[in-house]
Amino acid sequence: MAIPDVKQMSTEDLDALLLAIALERAKRQPQVAMEQPKTMEAALDPRWHISMADANTVLQLRHPGYGWVGYVIPPASRAQLVTFLLQHALLPAPNPGSPPSPPAPSAGGGTVH
């Protein structure tokens, strides 16, 4: 399979390609693993937006490469997420030079397409 030369593509074409790939990947088996990967690319302090859709929360996070990624979070998962965020917000600031603590295990949600 020939992979397109993405360096020659416009940002609009790249956005369209990312969307097409993501929509097609969501249809394929095996599904993306439910377990968190050992390593990942992460955006530091992303912009975010929260709104309501009926009883659910719509959370949008901006990634510099993937764009705005949206999640619909039902009330029970929202309560768990708020609990973890509040626990993290109340943790004392780390001492400079100390190694970072491993992240607390967490899980959540299903899939909405």
PDB file of N, CA and C in Angstrom:
ATOM      1  N   MET A   1       0.837  -1.178   0.000  1.00  0.00           N
ATOM      2  CA  MET A   1       0.000   0.000   0.000  1.00  0.00           C
ATOM      3  C   MET A   1       0.885   1.246   0.000  1.00  0.00           C
ATOM      4  N   ALA A   2       0.562   2.171  -0.841  1.00  0.00           N
ATOM      5  CA  ALA A   2       1.313   3.423  -0.905  1.00  0.00           C
ATOM      6  C   ALA A   2       0.729   4.412   0.099  1.00  0.00           C
ATOM      7  N   ILE A   3       1.587   4.951   0.938  1.00  0.00           N
ATOM      8  CA  ILE A   3       1.170   5.969   1.907  1.00  0.00           C
ATOM      9  C   ILE A   3       1.399   7.331   1.258  1.00  0.00           C
ATOM     10  N   PRO A   4       0.397   8.221   1.331  1.00  0.00           N
ATOM     11  CA  PRO A   4       0.569   9.525   0.675  1.00  0.00           C
ATOM     12  C   PRO A   4       1.705  10.326   1.312  1.00  0.00           C
ATOM     13  N   ASP A   5       2.302  11.189   0.514  1.00  0.00           N
ATOM     14  CA  ASP A   5       3.358  12.074   1.011  1.00  0.00           C
ATOM     15  C   ASP A   5       2.682  13.198   1.792  1.00  0.00           C
ATOM     16  N   VAL A   6       2.564  13.003   3.107  1.00  0.00           N
ATOM     17  CA  VAL A   6       1.823  13.956   3.929  1.00  0.00           C
ATOM     18  C   VAL A   6       2.490  15.326   3.995  1.00  0.00           C
ATOM     19  N   LYS A   7       3.773  15.392   3.713  1.00  0.00           N
ATOM     20  CA  LYS A   7       4.458  16.685   3.751  1.00  0.00           C
ATOM     21  C   LYS A   7       3.982  17.605   2.637  1.00  0.00           C
ATOM     22  N   GLN A   8       3.413  17.031   1.603  1.00  0.00           N
ATOM     23  CA  GLN A   8       2.923  17.824   0.480  1.00  0.00           C
ATOM     24  C   GLN A   8       1.438  18.179   0.608  1.00  0.00           C
ATOM     25  N   MET A   9       0.778  17.667   1.640  1.00  0.00           N
ATOM     26  CA  MET A   9      -0.662  17.877   1.806  1.00  0.00           C
ATOM     27  C   MET A   9      -0.951  19.176   2.550  1.00  0.00           C
ATOM     28  N   SER A  10      -2.080  19.788   2.219  1.00  0.00           N
ATOM     29  CA  SER A  10      -2.523  20.992   2.938  1.00  0.00           C
ATOM     30  C   SER A  10      -3.050  20.579   4.312  1.00  0.00           C
ATOM     31  N   THR A  11      -3.184  21.544   5.204  1.00  0.00           N
ATOM     32  CA  THR A  11      -3.725  21.236   6.525  1.00  0.00           C
ATOM     33  C   THR A  11      -5.166  20.733   6.415  1.00  0.00           C
ATOM     34  N   GLU A  12      -5.930  21.278   5.463  1.00  0.00           N
ATOM     35  CA  GLU A  12      -7.306  20.806   5.268  1.00  0.00           C
ATOM     36  C   GLU A  12      -7.319  19.348   4.829  1.00  0.00           C
ATOM     37  N   ASP A  13      -6.417  18.985   3.911  1.00  0.00           N
ATOM     38  CA  ASP A  13      -6.334  17.593   3.463  1.00  0.00           C
ATOM     39  C   ASP A  13      -5.870  16.676   4.588  1.00  0.00           C
ATOM     40  N   LEU A  14      -4.927  17.136   5.403  1.00  0.00           N
ATOM     41  CA  LEU A  14      -4.481  16.340   6.549  1.00  0.00           C
ATOM     42  C   LEU A  14      -5.622  16.110   7.536  1.00  0.00           C
ATOM     43  N   ASP A  15      -6.398  17.169   7.821  1.00  0.00           N
ATOM     44  CA  ASP A  15      -7.535  17.032   8.730  1.00  0.00           C
ATOM     45  C   ASP A  15      -8.543  16.021   8.194  1.00  0.00           C
ATOM     46  N   ALA A  16      -8.821  16.087   6.897  1.00  0.00           N
ATOM     47  CA  ALA A  16      -9.765  15.145   6.278  1.00  0.00           C
ATOM     48  C   ALA A  16      -9.230  13.715   6.346  1.00  0.00           C
ATOM     49  N   LEU A  17      -7.941  13.547   6.123  1.00  0.00           N
ATOM     50  CA  LEU A  17      -7.324  12.228   6.187  1.00  0.00           C
ATOM     51  C   LEU A  17      -7.377  11.671   7.611  1.00  0.00           C
ATOM     52  N   LEU A  18      -7.053  12.498   8.602  1.00  0.00           N
ATOM     53  CA  LEU A  18      -7.133  12.064  10.006  1.00  0.00           C
ATOM     54  C   LEU A  18      -8.541  11.606  10.363  1.00  0.00           C
ATOM     55  N   LEU A  19      -9.540  12.363   9.942  1.00  0.00           N
ATOM     56  CA  LEU A  19     -10.921  12.010  10.240  1.00  0.00           C
ATOM     57  C   LEU A  19     -11.298  10.701   9.561  1.00  0.00           C
ATOM     58  N   ALA A  20     -10.947  10.554   8.301  1.00  0.00           N
ATOM     59  CA  ALA A  20     -11.272   9.325   7.568  1.00  0.00           C
ATOM     60  C   ALA A  20     -10.599   8.115   8.212  1.00  0.00           C
ATOM     61  N   ILE A  21      -9.347   8.267   8.602  1.00  0.00           N
ATOM     62  CA  ILE A  21      -8.625   7.164   9.243  1.00  0.00           C
ATOM     63  C   ILE A  21      -9.279   6.806  10.576  1.00  0.00           C
ATOM     64  N   ALA A  22      -9.609   7.810  11.392  1.00  0.00           N
ATOM     65  CA  ALA A  22     -10.208   7.552  12.704  1.00  0.00           C
ATOM     66  C   ALA A  22     -11.570   6.864  12.564  1.00  0.00           C
ATOM     67  N   LEU A  23     -12.393   7.324  11.618  1.00  0.00           N
ATOM     68  CA  LEU A  23     -13.706   6.717  11.430  1.00  0.00           C
ATOM     69  C   LEU A  23     -13.580   5.276  10.945  1.00  0.00           C
ATOM     70  N   GLU A  24     -12.649   5.021  10.050  1.00  0.00           N
ATOM     71  CA  GLU A  24     -12.447   3.656   9.554  1.00  0.00           C
ATOM     72  C   GLU A  24     -11.872   2.768  10.648  1.00  0.00           C
ATOM     73  N   ARG A  25     -10.932   3.278  11.436  1.00  0.00           N
ATOM     74  CA  ARG A  25     -10.326   2.474  12.511  1.00  0.00           C
ATOM     75  C   ARG A  25     -11.368   2.049  13.528  1.00  0.00           C
ATOM     76  N   ALA A  26     -12.332   2.925  13.813  1.00  0.00           N
ATOM     77  CA  ALA A  26     -13.373   2.612  14.796  1.00  0.00           C
ATOM     78  C   ALA A  26     -14.240   1.437  14.353  1.00  0.00           C
ATOM     79  N   LYS A  27     -14.300   1.164  13.061  1.00  0.00           N
ATOM     80  CA  LYS A  27     -15.100   0.058  12.532  1.00  0.00           C
ATOM     81  C   LYS A  27     -14.352  -1.270  12.542  1.00  0.00           C
ATOM     82  N   ARG A  28     -13.035  -1.239  12.686  1.00  0.00           N
ATOM     83  CA  ARG A  28     -12.202  -2.423  12.488  1.00  0.00           C
ATOM     84  C   ARG A  28     -12.028  -3.242  13.753  1.00  0.00           C
ATOM     85  N   GLN A  29     -11.701  -4.521  13.523  1.00  0.00           N
ATOM     86  CA  GLN A  29     -11.357  -5.443  14.594  1.00  0.00           C
ATOM     87  C   GLN A  29      -9.898  -5.831  14.437  1.00  0.00           C
ATOM     88  N   PRO A  30      -9.149  -6.065  15.463  1.00  0.00           N
ATOM     89  CA  PRO A  30      -9.581  -5.906  16.845  1.00  0.00           C
ATOM     90  C   PRO A  30      -9.739  -4.430  17.197  1.00  0.00           C
ATOM     91  N   GLN A  31     -10.600  -4.167  18.175  1.00  0.00           N
ATOM     92  CA  GLN A  31     -10.805  -2.805  18.647  1.00  0.00           C
ATOM     93  C   GLN A  31      -9.531  -2.286  19.299  1.00  0.00           C
ATOM     94  N   VAL A  32      -9.458  -0.979  19.439  1.00  0.00           N
ATOM     95  CA  VAL A  32      -8.355  -0.377  20.192  1.00  0.00           C
ATOM     96  C   VAL A  32      -8.414  -0.949  21.607  1.00  0.00           C
ATOM     97  N   ALA A  33      -7.270  -1.318  22.151  1.00  0.00           N
ATOM     98  CA  ALA A  33      -7.209  -1.944  23.473  1.00  0.00           C
ATOM     99  C   ALA A  33      -7.830  -1.044  24.536  1.00  0.00           C
ATOM    100  N   MET A  34      -8.525  -1.642  25.486  1.00  0.00           N
ATOM    101  CA  MET A  34      -9.107  -0.893  26.605  1.00  0.00           C
ATOM    102  C   MET A  34      -8.046  -0.563  27.660  1.00  0.00           C
ATOM    103  N   GLU A  35      -6.942  -1.310  27.667  1.00  0.00           N
ATOM    104  CA  GLU A  35      -5.867  -1.044  28.617  1.00  0.00           C
ATOM    105  C   GLU A  35      -5.054   0.154  28.137  1.00  0.00           C
ATOM    106  N   GLN A  36      -4.631   0.972  29.091  1.00  0.00           N
ATOM    107  CA  GLN A  36      -3.823   2.131  28.749  1.00  0.00           C
ATOM    108  C   GLN A  36      -2.449   1.661  28.285  1.00  0.00           C
ATOM    109  N   PRO A  37      -1.891   2.308  27.245  1.00  0.00           N
ATOM    110  CA  PRO A  37      -0.551   1.928  26.782  1.00  0.00           C
ATOM    111  C   PRO A  37       0.512   2.336  27.801  1.00  0.00           C
ATOM    112  N   LYS A  38       1.655   1.674  27.737  1.00  0.00           N
ATOM    113  CA  LYS A  38       2.764   2.012  28.639  1.00  0.00           C
ATOM    114  C   LYS A  38       3.346   3.379  28.298  1.00  0.00           C
ATOM    115  N   THR A  39       3.354   3.731  27.027  1.00  0.00           N
ATOM    116  CA  THR A  39       3.816   5.046  26.594  1.00  0.00           C
ATOM    117  C   THR A  39       2.775   5.620  25.641  1.00  0.00           C
ATOM    118  N   MET A  40       2.757   6.929  25.531  1.00  0.00           N
ATOM    119  CA  MET A  40       1.825   7.591  24.623  1.00  0.00           C
ATOM    120  C   MET A  40       2.304   9.012  24.354  1.00  0.00           C
ATOM    121  N   GLU A  41       1.801   9.571  23.293  1.00  0.00           N
ATOM    122  CA  GLU A  41       2.049  10.980  23.015  1.00  0.00           C
ATOM    123  C   GLU A  41       0.976  11.769  23.751  1.00  0.00           C
ATOM    124  N   ALA A  42       1.377  12.783  24.477  1.00  0.00           N
ATOM    125  CA  ALA A  42       0.416  13.572  25.250  1.00  0.00           C
ATOM    126  C   ALA A  42       0.619  15.057  24.987  1.00  0.00           C
ATOM    127  N   ALA A  43      -0.477  15.774  24.932  1.00  0.00           N
ATOM    128  CA  ALA A  43      -0.438  17.226  24.780  1.00  0.00           C
ATOM    129  C   ALA A  43      -0.412  17.845  26.171  1.00  0.00           C
ATOM    130  N   LEU A  44       0.502  18.769  26.397  1.00  0.00           N
ATOM    131  CA  LEU A  44       0.630  19.428  27.691  1.00  0.00           C
ATOM    132  C   LEU A  44      -0.386  20.555  27.810  1.00  0.00           C
ATOM    133  N   ASP A  45      -1.169  20.518  28.871  1.00  0.00           N
ATOM    134  CA  ASP A  45      -2.139  21.560  29.208  1.00  0.00           C
ATOM    135  C   ASP A  45      -3.000  21.955  28.004  1.00  0.00           C
ATOM    136  N   PRO A  46      -3.779  20.996  27.483  1.00  0.00           N
ATOM    137  CA  PRO A  46      -4.567  21.304  26.281  1.00  0.00           C
ATOM    138  C   PRO A  46      -5.721  22.248  26.572  1.00  0.00           C
ATOM    139  N   ARG A  47      -6.159  22.940  25.550  1.00  0.00           N
ATOM    140  CA  ARG A  47      -7.409  23.697  25.674  1.00  0.00           C
ATOM    141  C   ARG A  47      -8.518  22.688  25.794  1.00  0.00           C
ATOM    142  N   TRP A  48      -9.579  23.048  26.471  1.00  0.00           N
ATOM    143  CA  TRP A  48     -10.700  22.142  26.655  1.00  0.00           C
ATOM    144  C   TRP A  48     -12.002  22.926  26.691  1.00  0.00           C
ATOM    145  N   HIS A  49     -13.077  22.210  26.443  1.00  0.00           N
ATOM    146  CA  HIS A  49     -14.412  22.811  26.489  1.00  0.00           C
ATOM    147  C   HIS A  49     -15.367  21.763  27.039  1.00  0.00           C
ATOM    148  N   ILE A  50     -16.270  22.162  27.914  1.00  0.00           N
ATOM    149  CA  ILE A  50     -17.254  21.259  28.498  1.00  0.00           C
ATOM    150  C   ILE A  50     -18.638  21.844  28.281  1.00  0.00           C
ATOM    151  N   SER A  51     -19.569  20.967  27.902  1.00  0.00           N
ATOM    152  CA  SER A  51     -20.973  21.363  27.766  1.00  0.00           C
ATOM    153  C   SER A  51     -21.843  20.172  28.154  1.00  0.00           C
ATOM    154  N   MET A  52     -23.133  20.396  28.191  1.00  0.00           N
ATOM    155  CA  MET A  52     -24.077  19.321  28.527  1.00  0.00           C
ATOM    156  C   MET A  52     -24.847  18.914  27.283  1.00  0.00           C
ATOM    157  N   ALA A  53     -25.193  17.630  27.218  1.00  0.00           N
ATOM    158  CA  ALA A  53     -26.087  17.082  26.201  1.00  0.00           C
ATOM    159  C   ALA A  53     -27.039  16.157  26.949  1.00  0.00           C
ATOM    160  N   ASP A  54     -28.223  16.640  27.205  1.00  0.00           N
ATOM    161  CA  ASP A  54     -29.170  15.945  28.079  1.00  0.00           C
ATOM    162  C   ASP A  54     -28.498  15.756  29.441  1.00  0.00           C
ATOM    163  N   ALA A  55     -28.435  14.527  29.957  1.00  0.00           N
ATOM    164  CA  ALA A  55     -27.813  14.289  31.267  1.00  0.00           C
ATOM    165  C   ALA A  55     -26.309  14.068  31.161  1.00  0.00           C
ATOM    166  N   ASN A  56     -25.792  13.993  29.952  1.00  0.00           N
ATOM    167  CA  ASN A  56     -24.376  13.685  29.731  1.00  0.00           C
ATOM    168  C   ASN A  56     -23.523  14.946  29.639  1.00  0.00           C
ATOM    169  N   THR A  57     -22.251  14.781  29.908  1.00  0.00           N
ATOM    170  CA  THR A  57     -21.281  15.856  29.736  1.00  0.00           C
ATOM    171  C   THR A  57     -20.530  15.624  28.437  1.00  0.00           C
ATOM    172  N   VAL A  58     -20.381  16.671  27.655  1.00  0.00           N
ATOM    173  CA  VAL A  58     -19.572  16.608  26.443  1.00  0.00           C
ATOM    174  C   VAL A  58     -18.246  17.296  26.766  1.00  0.00           C
ATOM    175  N   LEU A  59     -17.165  16.524  26.679  1.00  0.00           N
ATOM    176  CA  LEU A  59     -15.824  17.026  26.954  1.00  0.00           C
ATOM    177  C   LEU A  59     -15.056  17.041  25.643  1.00  0.00           C
ATOM    178  N   GLN A  60     -14.521  18.196  25.286  1.00  0.00           N
ATOM    179  CA  GLN A  60     -13.692  18.322  24.093  1.00  0.00           C
ATOM    180  C   GLN A  60     -12.296  18.737  24.527  1.00  0.00           C
ATOM    181  N   LEU A  61     -11.289  18.015  24.034  1.00  0.00           N
ATOM    182  CA  LEU A  61      -9.892  18.314  24.323  1.00  0.00           C
ATOM    183  C   LEU A  61      -9.168  18.584  23.014  1.00  0.00           C
ATOM    184  N   ARG A  62      -8.334  19.608  22.993  1.00  0.00           N
ATOM    185  CA  ARG A  62      -7.610  19.968  21.781  1.00  0.00           C
ATOM    186  C   ARG A  62      -6.215  19.360  21.799  1.00  0.00           C
ATOM    187  N   HIS A  63      -5.927  18.552  20.785  1.00  0.00           N
ATOM    188  CA  HIS A  63      -4.600  17.972  20.593  1.00  0.00           C
ATOM    189  C   HIS A  63      -3.976  18.687  19.393  1.00  0.00           C
ATOM    190  N   PRO A  64      -2.691  19.075  19.475  1.00  0.00           N
ATOM    191  CA  PRO A  64      -2.094  19.837  18.373  1.00  0.00           C
ATOM    192  C   PRO A  64      -2.024  19.064  17.056  1.00  0.00           C
ATOM    193  N   GLY A  65      -2.053  17.738  17.098  1.00  0.00           N
ATOM    194  CA  GLY A  65      -2.009  16.954  15.867  1.00  0.00           C
ATOM    195  C   GLY A  65      -3.355  16.399  15.455  1.00  0.00           C
ATOM    196  N   TYR A  66      -4.141  15.928  16.425  1.00  0.00           N
ATOM    197  CA  TYR A  66      -5.423  15.301  16.125  1.00  0.00           C
ATOM    198  C   TYR A  66      -6.567  16.302  16.076  1.00  0.00           C
ATOM    199  N   GLY A  67      -6.353  17.507  16.548  1.00  0.00           N
ATOM    200  CA  GLY A  67      -7.425  18.497  16.579  1.00  0.00           C
ATOM    201  C   GLY A  67      -8.290  18.316  17.812  1.00  0.00           C
ATOM    202  N   TRP A  68      -9.534  18.764  17.716  1.00  0.00           N
ATOM    203  CA  TRP A  68     -10.464  18.656  18.830  1.00  0.00           C
ATOM    204  C   TRP A  68     -11.031  17.244  18.863  1.00  0.00           C
ATOM    205  N   VAL A  69     -10.867  16.577  19.998  1.00  0.00           N
ATOM    206  CA  VAL A  69     -11.369  15.222  20.185  1.00  0.00           C
ATOM    207  C   VAL A  69     -12.473  15.308  21.230  1.00  0.00           C
ATOM    208  N   GLY A  70     -13.633  14.757  20.894  1.00  0.00           N
ATOM    209  CA  GLY A  70     -14.788  14.878  21.778  1.00  0.00           C
ATOM    210  C   GLY A  70     -15.166  13.575  22.440  1.00  0.00           C
ATOM    211  N   TYR A  71     -15.712  13.689  23.647  1.00  0.00           N
ATOM    212  CA  TYR A  71     -16.154  12.543  24.438  1.00  0.00           C
ATOM    213  C   TYR A  71     -17.500  12.884  25.055  1.00  0.00           C
ATOM    214  N   VAL A  72     -18.427  11.923  25.029  1.00  0.00           N
ATOM    215  CA  VAL A  72     -19.701  12.061  25.719  1.00  0.00           C
ATOM    216  C   VAL A  72     -19.604  11.190  26.968  1.00  0.00           C
ATOM    217  N   ILE A  73     -19.692  11.841  28.130  1.00  0.00           N
ATOM    218  CA  ILE A  73     -19.472  11.144  29.399  1.00  0.00           C
ATOM    219  C   ILE A  73     -20.792  11.071  30.166  1.00  0.00           C
ATOM    220  N   PRO A  74     -21.303   9.845  30.398  1.00  0.00           N
ATOM    221  CA  PRO A  74     -22.552   9.706  31.146  1.00  0.00           C
ATOM    222  C   PRO A  74     -22.353  10.045  32.624  1.00  0.00           C
ATOM    223  N   PRO A  75     -23.457  10.286  33.338  1.00  0.00           N
ATOM    224  CA  PRO A  75     -23.357  10.742  34.730  1.00  0.00           C
ATOM    225  C   PRO A  75     -22.489   9.885  35.648  1.00  0.00           C
ATOM    226  N   ALA A  76     -22.603   8.568  35.579  1.00  0.00           N
ATOM    227  CA  ALA A  76     -21.812   7.719  36.491  1.00  0.00           C
ATOM    228  C   ALA A  76     -20.314   7.859  36.219  1.00  0.00           C
ATOM    229  N   SER A  77     -19.921   7.870  34.950  1.00  0.00           N
ATOM    230  CA  SER A  77     -18.503   8.053  34.616  1.00  0.00           C
ATOM    231  C   SER A  77     -18.042   9.457  34.964  1.00  0.00           C
ATOM    232  N   ARG A  78     -18.922  10.442  34.782  1.00  0.00           N
ATOM    233  CA  ARG A  78     -18.584  11.824  35.139  1.00  0.00           C
ATOM    234  C   ARG A  78     -18.283  11.915  36.633  1.00  0.00           C
ATOM    235  N   ALA A  79     -19.079  11.249  37.462  1.00  0.00           N
ATOM    236  CA  ALA A  79     -18.857  11.272  38.913  1.00  0.00           C
ATOM    237  C   ALA A  79     -17.505  10.662  39.257  1.00  0.00           C
ATOM    238  N   GLN A  80     -17.139   9.552  38.603  1.00  0.00           N
ATOM    239  CA  GLN A  80     -15.830   8.939  38.849  1.00  0.00           C
ATOM    240  C   GLN A  80     -14.709   9.877  38.420  1.00  0.00           C
ATOM    241  N   LEU A  81     -14.853  10.486  37.254  1.00  0.00           N
ATOM    242  CA  LEU A  81     -13.829  11.393  36.745  1.00  0.00           C
ATOM    243  C   LEU A  81     -13.659  12.594  37.679  1.00  0.00           C
ATOM    244  N   VAL A  82     -14.754  13.157  38.127  1.00  0.00           N
ATOM    245  CA  VAL A  82     -14.682  14.300  39.043  1.00  0.00           C
ATOM    246  C   VAL A  82     -13.979  13.899  40.338  1.00  0.00           C
ATOM    247  N   THR A  83     -14.258  12.690  40.825  1.00  0.00           N
ATOM    248  CA  THR A  83     -13.618  12.214  42.050  1.00  0.00           C
ATOM    249  C   THR A  83     -12.107  12.155  41.880  1.00  0.00           C
ATOM    250  N   PHE A  84     -11.646  11.564  40.757  1.00  0.00           N
ATOM    251  CA  PHE A  84     -10.204  11.490  40.520  1.00  0.00           C
ATOM    252  C   PHE A  84      -9.588  12.879  40.345  1.00  0.00           C
ATOM    253  N   LEU A  85     -10.251  13.748  39.602  1.00  0.00           N
ATOM    254  CA  LEU A  85      -9.711  15.099  39.394  1.00  0.00           C
ATOM    255  C   LEU A  85      -9.634  15.866  40.708  1.00  0.00           C
ATOM    256  N   LEU A  86     -10.643  15.723  41.547  1.00  0.00           N
ATOM    257  CA  LEU A  86     -10.624  16.406  42.838  1.00  0.00           C
ATOM    258  C   LEU A  86      -9.506  15.866  43.721  1.00  0.00           C
ATOM    259  N   GLN A  87      -9.322  14.538  43.723  1.00  0.00           N
ATOM    260  CA  GLN A  87      -8.217  13.958  44.495  1.00  0.00           C
ATOM    261  C   GLN A  87      -6.881  14.512  44.012  1.00  0.00           C
ATOM    262  N   HIS A  88      -6.703  14.597  42.715  1.00  0.00           N
ATOM    263  CA  HIS A  88      -5.447  15.122  42.161  1.00  0.00           C
ATOM    264  C   HIS A  88      -5.282  16.601  42.495  1.00  0.00           C
ATOM    265  N   ALA A  89      -6.371  17.353  42.445  1.00  0.00           N
ATOM    266  CA  ALA A  89      -6.296  18.784  42.743  1.00  0.00           C
ATOM    267  C   ALA A  89      -5.907  19.043  44.194  1.00  0.00           C
ATOM    268  N   LEU A  90      -6.249  18.123  45.080  1.00  0.00           N
ATOM    269  CA  LEU A  90      -5.971  18.314  46.504  1.00  0.00           C
ATOM    270  C   LEU A  90      -4.625  17.753  46.935  1.00  0.00           C
ATOM    271  N   LEU A  91      -3.902  17.091  46.032  1.00  0.00           N
ATOM    272  CA  LEU A  91      -2.580  16.569  46.376  1.00  0.00           C
ATOM    273  C   LEU A  91      -1.603  17.713  46.615  1.00  0.00           C
ATOM    274  N   PRO A  92      -0.664  17.543  47.541  1.00  0.00           N
ATOM    275  CA  PRO A  92       0.340  18.591  47.743  1.00  0.00           C
ATOM    276  C   PRO A  92       1.245  18.697  46.521  1.00  0.00           C
ATOM    277  N   ALA A  93       1.773  19.875  46.322  1.00  0.00           N
ATOM    278  CA  ALA A  93       2.703  20.093  45.207  1.00  0.00           C
ATOM    279  C   ALA A  93       3.951  19.247  45.427  1.00  0.00           C
ATOM    280  N   PRO A  94       4.504  18.644  44.367  1.00  0.00           N
ATOM    281  CA  PRO A  94       5.710  17.825  44.538  1.00  0.00           C
ATOM    282  C   PRO A  94       6.912  18.688  44.901  1.00  0.00           C
ATOM    283  N   ASN A  95       7.836  18.084  45.624  1.00  0.00           N
ATOM    284  CA  ASN A  95       9.080  18.777  45.950  1.00  0.00           C
ATOM    285  C   ASN A  95       9.948  18.846  44.705  1.00  0.00           C
ATOM    286  N   PRO A  96      10.592  19.996  44.458  1.00  0.00           N
ATOM    287  CA  PRO A  96      11.479  20.075  43.291  1.00  0.00           C
ATOM    288  C   PRO A  96      12.577  19.011  43.385  1.00  0.00           C
ATOM    289  N   GLY A  97      12.840  18.336  42.287  1.00  0.00           N
ATOM    290  CA  GLY A  97      13.887  17.334  42.250  1.00  0.00           C
ATOM    291  C   GLY A  97      13.445  15.941  42.646  1.00  0.00           C
ATOM    292  N   SER A  98      12.225  15.793  43.172  1.00  0.00           N
ATOM    293  CA  SER A  98      11.763  14.454  43.542  1.00  0.00           C
ATOM    294  C   SER A  98      11.164  13.778  42.317  1.00  0.00           C
ATOM    295  N   PRO A  99      11.303  12.448  42.237  1.00  0.00           N
ATOM    296  CA  PRO A  99      10.753  11.751  41.072  1.00  0.00           C
ATOM    297  C   PRO A  99       9.234  11.816  41.079  1.00  0.00           C
ATOM    298  N   PRO A 100       8.623  11.848  39.907  1.00  0.00           N
ATOM    299  CA  PRO A 100       7.156  11.921  39.855  1.00  0.00           C
ATOM    300  C   PRO A 100       6.528  10.628  40.361  1.00  0.00           C
ATOM    301  N   SER A 101       5.373  10.743  40.981  1.00  0.00           N
ATOM    302  CA  SER A 101       4.634   9.575  41.448  1.00  0.00           C
ATOM    303  C   SER A 101       3.966   8.905  40.262  1.00  0.00           C
ATOM    304  N   PRO A 102       3.820   7.575  40.314  1.00  0.00           N
ATOM    305  CA  PRO A 102       3.099   6.916  39.224  1.00  0.00           C
ATOM    306  C   PRO A 102       1.637   7.337  39.250  1.00  0.00           C
ATOM    307  N   PRO A 103       0.988   7.375  38.098  1.00  0.00           N
ATOM    308  CA  PRO A 103      -0.415   7.795  38.077  1.00  0.00           C
ATOM    309  C   PRO A 103      -1.296   6.770  38.774  1.00  0.00           C
ATOM    310  N   ALA A 104      -2.362   7.262  39.401  1.00  0.00           N
ATOM    311  CA  ALA A 104      -3.329   6.364  40.038  1.00  0.00           C
ATOM    312  C   ALA A 104      -4.109   5.645  38.949  1.00  0.00           C
ATOM    313  N   PRO A 105      -4.392   4.356  39.149  1.00  0.00           N
ATOM    314  CA  PRO A 105      -5.162   3.641  38.129  1.00  0.00           C
ATOM    315  C   PRO A 105      -6.566   4.202  38.035  1.00  0.00           C
ATOM    316  N   SER A 106      -7.076   4.257  36.844  1.00  0.00           N
ATOM    317  CA  SER A 106      -8.432   4.734  36.621  1.00  0.00           C
ATOM    318  C   SER A 106      -8.987   4.065  35.389  1.00  0.00           C
ATOM    319  N   ALA A 107     -10.269   4.100  35.258  1.00  0.00           N
ATOM    320  CA  ALA A 107     -10.915   3.524  34.085  1.00  0.00           C
ATOM    321  C   ALA A 107     -12.188   4.307  33.837  1.00  0.00           C
ATOM    322  N   GLY A 108     -12.676   4.185  32.647  1.00  0.00           N
ATOM    323  CA  GLY A 108     -13.935   4.851  32.387  1.00  0.00           C
ATOM    324  C   GLY A 108     -14.480   4.529  31.038  1.00  0.00           C
ATOM    325  N   GLY A 109     -15.721   4.722  30.969  1.00  0.00           N
ATOM    326  CA  GLY A 109     -16.504   4.862  29.794  1.00  0.00           C
ATOM    327  C   GLY A 109     -16.576   3.781  28.758  1.00  0.00           C
ATOM    328  N   GLY A 110     -17.509   3.993  27.902  1.00  0.00           N
ATOM    329  CA  GLY A 110     -17.738   3.160  26.740  1.00  0.00           C
ATOM    330  C   GLY A 110     -17.435   3.939  25.483  1.00  0.00           C
ATOM    331  N   THR A 111     -18.182   3.657  24.440  1.00  0.00           N
ATOM    332  CA  THR A 111     -17.923   4.286  23.154  1.00  0.00           C
ATOM    333  C   THR A 111     -19.207   4.854  22.592  1.00  0.00           C
ATOM    334  N   VAL A 112     -19.178   6.061  22.079  1.00  0.00           N
ATOM    335  CA  VAL A 112     -20.301   6.666  21.369  1.00  0.00           C
ATOM    336  C   VAL A 112     -19.806   7.076  20.008  1.00  0.00           C
ATOM    337  N   HIS A 113     -20.457   6.619  18.965  1.00  0.00           N
ATOM    338  CA  HIS A 113     -20.071   6.994  17.599  1.00  0.00           C
ATOM    339  C   HIS A 113     -21.223   7.667  16.918  1.00  0.00           C
TER     340      HIS A 113
END
